Protein backbone atom coordinates (compact mmCIF):
# COMPACT_ATOMS: atom_id res chain seq x y z
CA MET A 1 -26.13 50.36 39.92
CA THR A 2 -25.05 46.73 40.09
CA LEU A 3 -27.44 43.84 39.20
CA LEU A 4 -25.86 41.74 41.62
CA ARG A 5 -28.01 40.92 44.65
CA VAL A 6 -26.23 40.74 48.14
CA LYS A 7 -27.10 39.95 51.66
CA SER A 8 -25.38 42.22 54.30
CA ASP A 9 -24.01 40.79 57.47
CA ALA A 10 -23.58 42.37 60.99
CA PHE A 11 -19.77 43.20 60.32
CA ARG A 12 -20.59 45.42 57.32
CA GLY A 13 -19.72 42.66 54.74
CA VAL A 14 -21.81 41.52 51.82
CA THR A 15 -22.43 38.02 50.32
CA ILE A 16 -23.19 37.83 46.65
CA ASP A 17 -26.14 35.66 45.64
CA PRO A 18 -24.74 33.09 43.26
CA LYS A 19 -27.87 33.12 41.19
CA THR A 20 -27.29 36.72 40.20
CA ILE A 21 -23.70 36.26 38.94
CA PRO A 22 -23.46 36.46 35.08
CA THR A 23 -21.79 33.54 33.28
CA GLU A 24 -20.56 35.60 30.42
CA MET A 25 -17.12 36.82 31.06
CA GLY A 26 -17.56 40.39 29.81
CA GLN A 27 -20.80 41.01 31.63
CA PHE A 28 -19.32 39.44 34.73
CA SER A 29 -16.28 41.76 34.77
CA ARG A 30 -18.56 44.95 34.25
CA GLU A 31 -20.70 43.90 37.05
CA ILE A 32 -18.00 43.17 39.46
CA ASP A 33 -16.05 46.33 38.59
CA GLY A 34 -19.25 48.41 39.15
CA ALA A 35 -20.06 46.58 42.42
CA LEU A 36 -16.75 46.99 43.87
CA ARG A 37 -16.86 50.72 43.35
CA GLU A 38 -20.21 51.02 44.73
CA TRP A 39 -19.34 48.93 47.85
CA ARG A 40 -16.32 50.77 48.57
CA GLY A 41 -18.21 53.99 48.40
CA ALA A 42 -20.73 52.54 50.84
CA GLY A 43 -17.97 51.48 53.40
CA VAL A 44 -18.38 47.78 52.81
CA ARG A 45 -15.55 46.00 54.47
CA GLY A 46 -15.43 42.54 52.88
CA VAL A 47 -17.27 40.62 50.14
CA TRP A 48 -17.88 36.91 49.88
CA MET A 49 -18.52 35.31 46.50
CA SER A 50 -19.36 31.64 45.73
CA LEU A 51 -18.74 30.45 42.15
CA PRO A 52 -20.48 27.32 41.22
CA CYS A 53 -17.86 25.19 39.54
CA ARG A 54 -19.73 23.74 36.79
CA THR A 55 -21.48 27.05 35.52
CA HIS A 56 -19.11 29.80 36.72
CA GLY A 57 -15.62 28.15 37.29
CA HIS A 58 -14.28 29.82 34.17
CA LEU A 59 -14.71 33.19 35.80
CA LEU A 60 -12.05 32.43 38.49
CA PRO A 61 -9.22 34.08 36.73
CA GLU A 62 -11.25 37.26 36.16
CA ALA A 63 -12.22 37.41 39.80
CA LEU A 64 -8.58 36.99 41.02
CA ARG A 65 -7.38 39.84 38.75
CA ARG A 66 -9.92 42.13 40.47
CA GLY A 67 -8.50 41.39 43.89
CA PHE A 68 -10.54 38.38 45.04
CA VAL A 69 -8.78 35.50 46.72
CA VAL A 70 -9.66 31.91 47.15
CA HIS A 71 -11.02 31.16 50.61
CA HIS A 72 -11.83 27.58 50.17
CA ALA A 73 -13.18 25.26 47.55
CA GLN A 74 -15.66 22.19 47.49
CA ALA A 75 -16.55 19.72 44.64
CA GLU A 76 -19.47 22.20 43.88
CA TYR A 77 -18.18 25.66 44.42
CA ILE A 78 -15.22 27.91 44.92
CA MET A 79 -15.44 30.43 47.74
CA LEU A 80 -13.78 33.84 47.10
CA THR A 81 -13.30 36.86 49.32
CA HIS A 82 -12.29 40.45 48.73
CA TRP A 83 -11.16 42.69 51.70
CA LEU A 84 -11.90 46.29 50.59
CA GLN A 85 -10.46 48.22 53.64
CA ASP A 86 -6.94 49.46 54.25
CA GLU A 87 -7.13 48.04 57.73
CA PRO A 88 -5.87 44.32 58.30
CA ASN A 89 -8.16 41.69 56.82
CA LYS A 90 -10.67 40.71 59.49
CA LEU A 91 -12.47 38.02 57.43
CA PRO A 92 -12.40 34.63 59.11
CA MET A 93 -10.08 32.00 57.66
CA HIS A 94 -11.49 28.62 56.50
CA GLY A 95 -11.41 25.77 58.95
CA SER A 96 -7.94 24.40 59.47
CA CYS A 97 -8.45 21.26 61.62
CA TYR A 98 -9.56 17.82 60.97
CA VAL A 99 -11.52 16.09 63.48
CA GLY A 100 -11.44 12.37 64.14
CA VAL A 101 -12.90 9.89 66.62
CA GLY A 102 -11.82 6.63 68.37
CA GLY A 103 -14.26 4.30 69.85
CA MET A 104 -13.05 2.80 73.10
CA VAL A 105 -15.31 -0.26 73.40
CA ILE A 106 -15.24 -2.22 76.72
CA ASN A 107 -17.21 -5.31 77.21
CA ASP A 108 -18.47 -6.94 80.62
CA ARG A 109 -15.19 -8.95 80.91
CA ASP A 110 -13.39 -5.48 81.08
CA GLU A 111 -11.68 -6.26 77.62
CA ILE A 112 -11.00 -3.64 75.10
CA LEU A 113 -11.70 -3.79 71.33
CA MET A 114 -8.48 -3.11 69.34
CA VAL A 115 -7.77 -3.07 65.72
CA ARG A 116 -4.83 -2.83 63.46
CA GLU A 117 -5.07 -0.96 60.29
CA LYS A 118 -3.99 -2.47 57.03
CA TYR A 119 -2.09 0.52 55.54
CA LEU A 120 -0.21 2.07 58.36
CA ILE A 121 3.38 1.87 58.42
CA SER A 122 3.19 1.02 62.02
CA ASP A 123 1.56 -2.21 63.27
CA MET A 124 0.29 -0.53 66.38
CA TRP A 125 -2.95 -1.58 68.09
CA LYS A 126 -5.57 1.31 68.22
CA PHE A 127 -9.13 1.92 68.81
CA PRO A 128 -11.48 1.61 65.75
CA GLY A 129 -12.06 4.98 64.45
CA GLY A 130 -11.51 7.60 61.70
CA LEU A 131 -12.46 11.02 60.50
CA MET A 132 -16.05 12.38 61.16
CA ASN A 133 -18.45 12.86 58.14
CA PRO A 134 -19.79 16.39 57.61
CA GLY A 135 -22.80 17.10 59.85
CA GLU A 136 -21.98 14.17 62.15
CA ASP A 137 -21.88 14.43 65.80
CA ILE A 138 -19.07 12.84 67.94
CA VAL A 139 -20.95 9.97 69.41
CA SER A 140 -22.59 8.94 66.11
CA ALA A 141 -19.14 9.02 64.20
CA ALA A 142 -17.52 6.89 66.95
CA LYS A 143 -20.47 4.20 66.92
CA ARG A 144 -20.41 4.26 63.06
CA GLU A 145 -16.66 3.82 62.79
CA VAL A 146 -16.70 0.93 65.39
CA PHE A 147 -19.50 -0.88 63.42
CA GLU A 148 -17.91 -0.26 59.99
CA GLU A 149 -14.51 -1.76 61.00
CA THR A 150 -15.59 -4.51 63.35
CA GLY A 151 -19.23 -5.17 62.81
CA ILE A 152 -19.95 -4.57 66.45
CA PRO A 153 -22.97 -2.18 67.34
CA THR A 154 -22.46 -0.35 70.52
CA GLU A 155 -24.26 2.08 72.90
CA PHE A 156 -22.78 5.35 74.24
CA VAL A 157 -21.25 5.76 77.60
CA SER A 158 -19.10 8.78 77.76
CA VAL A 159 -16.61 11.02 76.06
CA VAL A 160 -13.17 10.00 77.68
CA GLY A 161 -11.22 13.08 76.40
CA PHE A 162 -9.56 14.50 73.32
CA ARG A 163 -6.17 15.02 71.76
CA HIS A 164 -5.39 18.28 69.85
CA MET A 165 -2.45 18.36 67.42
CA PRO A 166 -1.89 22.00 66.33
CA LYS A 167 -1.29 23.04 62.73
CA THR A 168 1.67 21.58 61.46
CA PRO A 169 3.33 21.21 57.88
CA LEU A 170 4.04 17.59 58.54
CA TYR A 171 0.14 16.80 58.67
CA ARG A 172 -2.58 16.82 55.95
CA PHE A 173 -2.13 19.98 53.91
CA GLY A 174 -0.60 21.70 56.99
CA SER A 175 -3.79 21.34 58.99
CA GLY A 176 -4.21 20.53 62.69
CA ASP A 177 -6.01 17.46 64.17
CA ILE A 178 -8.37 16.91 66.95
CA TYR A 179 -9.09 13.29 68.05
CA PHE A 180 -11.95 12.48 70.33
CA VAL A 181 -12.21 9.27 72.23
CA VAL A 182 -15.74 7.92 73.11
CA LYS A 183 -16.32 5.09 75.41
CA LEU A 184 -18.83 2.66 74.08
CA ARG A 185 -20.59 -0.55 75.39
CA PRO A 186 -20.86 -3.32 72.81
CA LEU A 187 -24.26 -4.85 72.22
CA HIS A 188 -22.43 -8.08 71.23
CA THR A 189 -18.88 -9.13 71.00
CA SER A 190 -18.76 -11.13 67.66
CA ILE A 191 -16.09 -9.44 65.48
CA THR A 192 -16.60 -9.10 61.78
CA ILE A 193 -13.50 -7.40 60.27
CA GLU A 194 -13.90 -4.78 57.50
CA ASN A 195 -11.24 -6.19 55.08
CA SER A 196 -10.45 -3.07 52.96
CA GLU A 197 -9.03 -1.14 56.03
CA ILE A 198 -8.46 -3.35 58.84
CA SER A 199 -5.93 -6.26 58.96
CA GLU A 200 -6.87 -7.64 62.62
CA ALA A 201 -9.07 -7.02 65.24
CA LYS A 202 -9.46 -8.55 68.72
CA TRP A 203 -10.56 -8.17 72.37
CA MET A 204 -7.50 -7.49 74.83
CA THR A 205 -7.67 -7.28 78.62
CA VAL A 206 -6.70 -3.82 80.07
CA ASN A 207 -3.49 -5.10 81.46
CA GLU A 208 -2.57 -6.94 78.20
CA TYR A 209 -3.22 -3.68 76.21
CA LEU A 210 -1.30 -1.32 78.65
CA GLU A 211 1.77 -3.78 78.61
CA HIS A 212 1.63 -4.39 74.96
CA PRO A 213 4.84 -3.20 73.21
CA ARG A 214 2.69 -1.90 70.09
CA SER A 215 0.35 0.24 72.23
CA PRO A 216 0.82 3.71 71.68
CA GLU A 217 1.38 5.88 74.67
CA MET A 218 -1.45 8.16 73.72
CA MET A 219 -3.95 5.37 73.64
CA ARG A 220 -2.70 3.90 76.93
CA LYS A 221 -3.22 7.28 78.60
CA PHE A 222 -6.83 7.44 77.21
CA VAL A 223 -7.47 3.94 78.63
CA GLN A 224 -6.10 4.87 82.21
CA SER A 225 -8.29 7.99 82.13
CA ALA A 226 -11.36 5.91 81.24
CA LEU A 227 -10.70 3.72 84.18
CA LEU A 228 -10.16 6.65 86.72
CA ASN A 229 -12.86 9.04 85.52
CA LYS A 230 -16.62 9.10 84.49
CA GLY A 231 -16.21 11.11 81.35
CA ALA A 232 -18.55 13.66 79.77
CA SER A 233 -21.77 13.17 78.44
CA PRO A 234 -23.63 15.46 75.91
CA ASP A 235 -26.22 18.15 76.91
CA ILE A 236 -28.04 18.75 73.74
CA PHE A 237 -29.76 21.94 73.40
CA THR A 238 -30.97 24.61 70.79
CA THR A 239 -29.65 28.11 70.81
CA GLN A 240 -31.95 30.93 71.72
CA ASP A 241 -32.64 31.99 68.34
CA LYS A 242 -33.55 28.21 67.30
CA LYS A 243 -30.85 28.25 64.39
CA TYR A 244 -28.31 25.84 65.82
CA ILE A 245 -28.26 22.55 67.85
CA GLN A 246 -25.44 22.42 70.27
CA HIS A 247 -23.88 19.44 72.08
CA LEU A 248 -22.25 20.54 75.42
CA TYR A 249 -19.86 17.96 76.92
CA LEU A 250 -19.35 18.22 80.70
CA VAL A 251 -17.11 16.04 82.74
CA SER A 252 -18.62 14.70 85.87
CA GLN A 253 -17.03 12.81 88.86
CA PHE A 254 -17.88 9.24 89.92
CA GLU A 255 -20.47 9.06 92.67
CA PRO A 256 -18.84 8.02 96.00
CA ASN A 257 -20.37 4.59 95.90
CA HIS A 258 -19.50 3.88 92.26
CA THR A 259 -17.70 0.63 91.63
CA GLN A 260 -14.76 1.27 89.41
CA ILE A 261 -12.63 -1.07 87.35
CA PRO A 262 -9.34 -1.83 89.33
CA LEU A 263 -6.47 0.38 87.73
CA PRO A 264 -3.80 -1.83 86.30
CA LYS A 265 -0.33 -1.02 87.65
CA ALA A 266 1.24 -0.49 84.26
CA LYS A 267 4.04 1.95 83.39
CA LEU A 268 3.18 4.64 80.74
C-alpha cells in the first residue's frame, strides 16, 4: 500500500499531498509505481501532483517517464497530472488568458486622462493600465495602475466594458487576453509621471481624443460607450458554502432624468 497521502475529489480524481512525496529518487519511483497500480484498480480517473521546485524538482524526469505531464509551473512548484482512463482526458487545462485593466479617468471638466507608454512601438494615446496582480479585483487593479503611472488617486464610477482577444499564436505564449475598462473619478488632477514606463501623460477633452490621429479605434469605442451608458457596478457576495467571494458586475441604464455628457459627433 502506498505511503502517499491523497485528497479525493468529486470527479474521482486524487491530489497527492506534497509533504508525503519522497525526495530520494529510488523511493519516489517505487511509491509512484505502486500508487498508480492501486489507483487504477480503484477506478481513479486523474492524478494531480505538485512538486516543490527546490526540494523535489529533480524528480520531474522520473515523473514524466511514468506518464505524468506538466500542467503548469510557478516559481515555487511544478504541477503535474496523470490521466489514468482510456477515455479522453477530462482534467481542466491551466488558465490560458491574461487579464488587464485600463482606467478611464474623467474629471469635472469632461477631460480624459491619457498616457503614452515609453516602450510601445506605436506612439498611441491610451488609458493608464496594465495587467492585474494575482488576487486583485478589477476595480482595485485599475485604481492602482492609474496611481502608479500618473500619481492620481481615484474613486470608482463603473465598469464600462471589456475586450476579449481569443487565444492566438501572436500574443504572449499563445494565450488570449481580456481587457477591462473601468471608469474612475480623480480626487485631484495634478499629474506625476512614472518615468520608467510612461513617456507622457495629459488631460484631453473628449472631442480632442476622439478626433486624435493616434487614438486607437478600440479606445474610442470605449469612450463613446461610457458617454452613452451608465456602466456596471459590482455586487459583492459570498457563495453559499462561504468559500469564495464573488464580484458580479451588472449593467444598468441611466435614470430618465440623468444628465449625460453630450456625445461628440466624431467618426469611429
